[in-house]
Amino acid sequence: MILTNEEIREALFLDDDFPTSSLTEFGLLADAFIVKKTGYDYANNMIASAEPLAKLLAKLYLKSIYYEGFHKDEKMDYSIGINGLIGDLKDIARANTGDS
């Protein structure tokens, strides 16, 4: 997984007793989202220069789905950051795999 369970717990401000199985599901969901959007499996083939971006995208995506409906204001809208990071990670993957 791109994020550890502890990174997921911290990103979503979850208590220590939040079920580990749910944290793992969140991590796998974020990984699948990133593969779908970038066409590259950062969870299993991390490119060093992309690691901070992939982690940030995973956190923003999980926040957007976890808190959807709780906050309906622009401070909680992660879509611009998510879309920008998807583009950046696509570019990094293309540059590192030789695809154009």
Protein backbone atom coordinates (compact mmCIF):
# COMPACT_ATOMS: atom_id res chain seq x y z
CA MET A 1 0.00 0.00 0.00
CA ILE A 2 1.11 3.55 -0.64
CA LEU A 3 0.10 4.57 2.89
CA THR A 4 0.66 2.68 6.09
CA ASN A 5 -2.29 2.13 8.40
CA GLU A 6 -0.80 4.69 10.77
CA GLU A 7 -0.55 7.29 7.98
CA ILE A 8 -4.20 6.65 7.13
CA ARG A 9 -5.20 6.96 10.79
CA GLU A 10 -3.37 10.29 11.07
CA ALA A 11 -4.71 11.65 7.76
CA LEU A 12 -8.30 10.97 8.76
CA PHE A 13 -7.87 11.92 12.45
CA LEU A 14 -9.03 8.49 13.60
CA ASP A 15 -8.79 7.09 17.10
CA ASP A 16 -6.31 4.34 17.94
CA ASP A 17 -9.14 1.82 18.33
CA PHE A 18 -10.41 2.32 14.76
CA PRO A 19 -10.46 -1.16 13.18
CA THR A 20 -7.22 -2.10 11.43
CA SER A 21 -9.17 -3.98 8.78
CA SER A 22 -10.98 -0.77 7.83
CA LEU A 23 -7.70 1.12 7.62
CA THR A 24 -6.36 -1.54 5.27
CA GLU A 25 -9.51 -1.29 3.13
CA PHE A 26 -9.03 2.47 2.90
CA GLY A 27 -5.42 1.97 1.84
CA LEU A 28 -6.34 -0.51 -0.87
CA LEU A 29 -9.10 1.81 -2.07
CA ALA A 30 -6.63 4.69 -2.40
CA ASP A 31 -4.16 2.45 -4.25
CA ALA A 32 -6.85 1.33 -6.70
CA PHE A 33 -7.93 4.94 -7.30
CA ILE A 34 -4.38 6.01 -8.09
CA VAL A 35 -3.81 3.10 -10.48
CA LYS A 36 -7.10 3.85 -12.23
CA LYS A 37 -6.35 7.55 -12.60
CA THR A 38 -2.63 7.42 -13.41
CA GLY A 39 -2.29 4.07 -15.13
CA TYR A 40 0.65 3.24 -12.87
CA ASP A 41 0.85 1.06 -9.78
CA TYR A 42 2.70 3.28 -7.32
CA ALA A 43 1.91 0.91 -4.44
CA ASN A 44 4.10 -1.85 -5.90
CA ASN A 45 6.54 0.13 -8.07
CA MET A 46 7.24 3.38 -6.25
CA ILE A 47 9.32 5.93 -8.13
CA ALA A 48 11.40 7.74 -5.51
CA SER A 49 10.65 11.23 -6.85
CA ALA A 50 6.92 10.47 -6.82
CA GLU A 51 6.60 9.04 -3.32
CA PRO A 52 5.60 12.28 -1.55
CA LEU A 53 3.11 13.10 -4.31
CA ALA A 54 1.59 9.63 -4.31
CA LYS A 55 1.23 9.72 -0.52
CA LEU A 56 -0.38 13.17 -0.65
CA LEU A 57 -2.80 12.10 -3.38
CA ALA A 58 -3.79 9.01 -1.38
CA LYS A 59 -4.42 11.16 1.72
CA LEU A 60 -6.45 13.77 -0.15
CA TYR A 61 -8.53 11.11 -1.87
CA LEU A 62 -9.28 9.34 1.40
CA LYS A 63 -10.20 12.63 3.08
CA SER A 64 -12.50 13.51 0.21
CA ILE A 65 -14.43 10.25 0.45
CA TYR A 66 -14.34 9.91 4.24
CA TYR A 67 -15.55 13.43 4.96
CA GLU A 68 -17.91 13.75 1.99
CA GLY A 69 -21.21 15.02 3.30
CA PHE A 70 -19.84 16.17 6.66
CA HIS A 71 -18.52 19.48 5.36
CA LYS A 72 -20.05 21.26 2.42
CA ASP A 73 -17.73 24.22 2.11
CA GLU A 74 -14.80 25.01 -0.14
CA LYS A 75 -12.23 24.50 2.63
CA MET A 76 -12.95 20.77 2.47
CA ASP A 77 -12.93 20.51 -1.34
CA TYR A 78 -9.86 18.52 -2.30
CA SER A 79 -10.72 18.17 -6.01
CA ILE A 80 -8.24 20.74 -7.32
CA GLY A 81 -5.35 19.16 -5.42
CA ILE A 82 -6.43 15.67 -6.40
CA ASN A 83 -6.67 16.54 -10.09
CA GLY A 84 -3.33 18.34 -10.08
CA LEU A 85 -1.55 15.45 -8.39
CA ILE A 86 -3.06 12.94 -10.82
CA GLY A 87 -1.55 14.91 -13.70
CA ASP A 88 1.83 15.16 -11.98
CA LEU A 89 1.93 11.43 -11.21
CA LYS A 90 0.93 10.55 -14.78
CA ASP A 91 3.84 12.66 -16.05
CA ILE A 92 6.30 11.04 -13.65
CA ALA A 93 5.12 7.54 -14.61
CA ARG A 94 5.44 8.31 -18.33
CA ALA A 95 8.93 9.72 -17.87
CA ASN A 96 10.05 6.67 -15.89
CA THR A 97 8.48 4.00 -18.06
CA GLY A 98 9.45 5.49 -21.41
CA ASP A 99 5.83 6.00 -22.51
CA SER A 100 5.04 9.20 -24.31
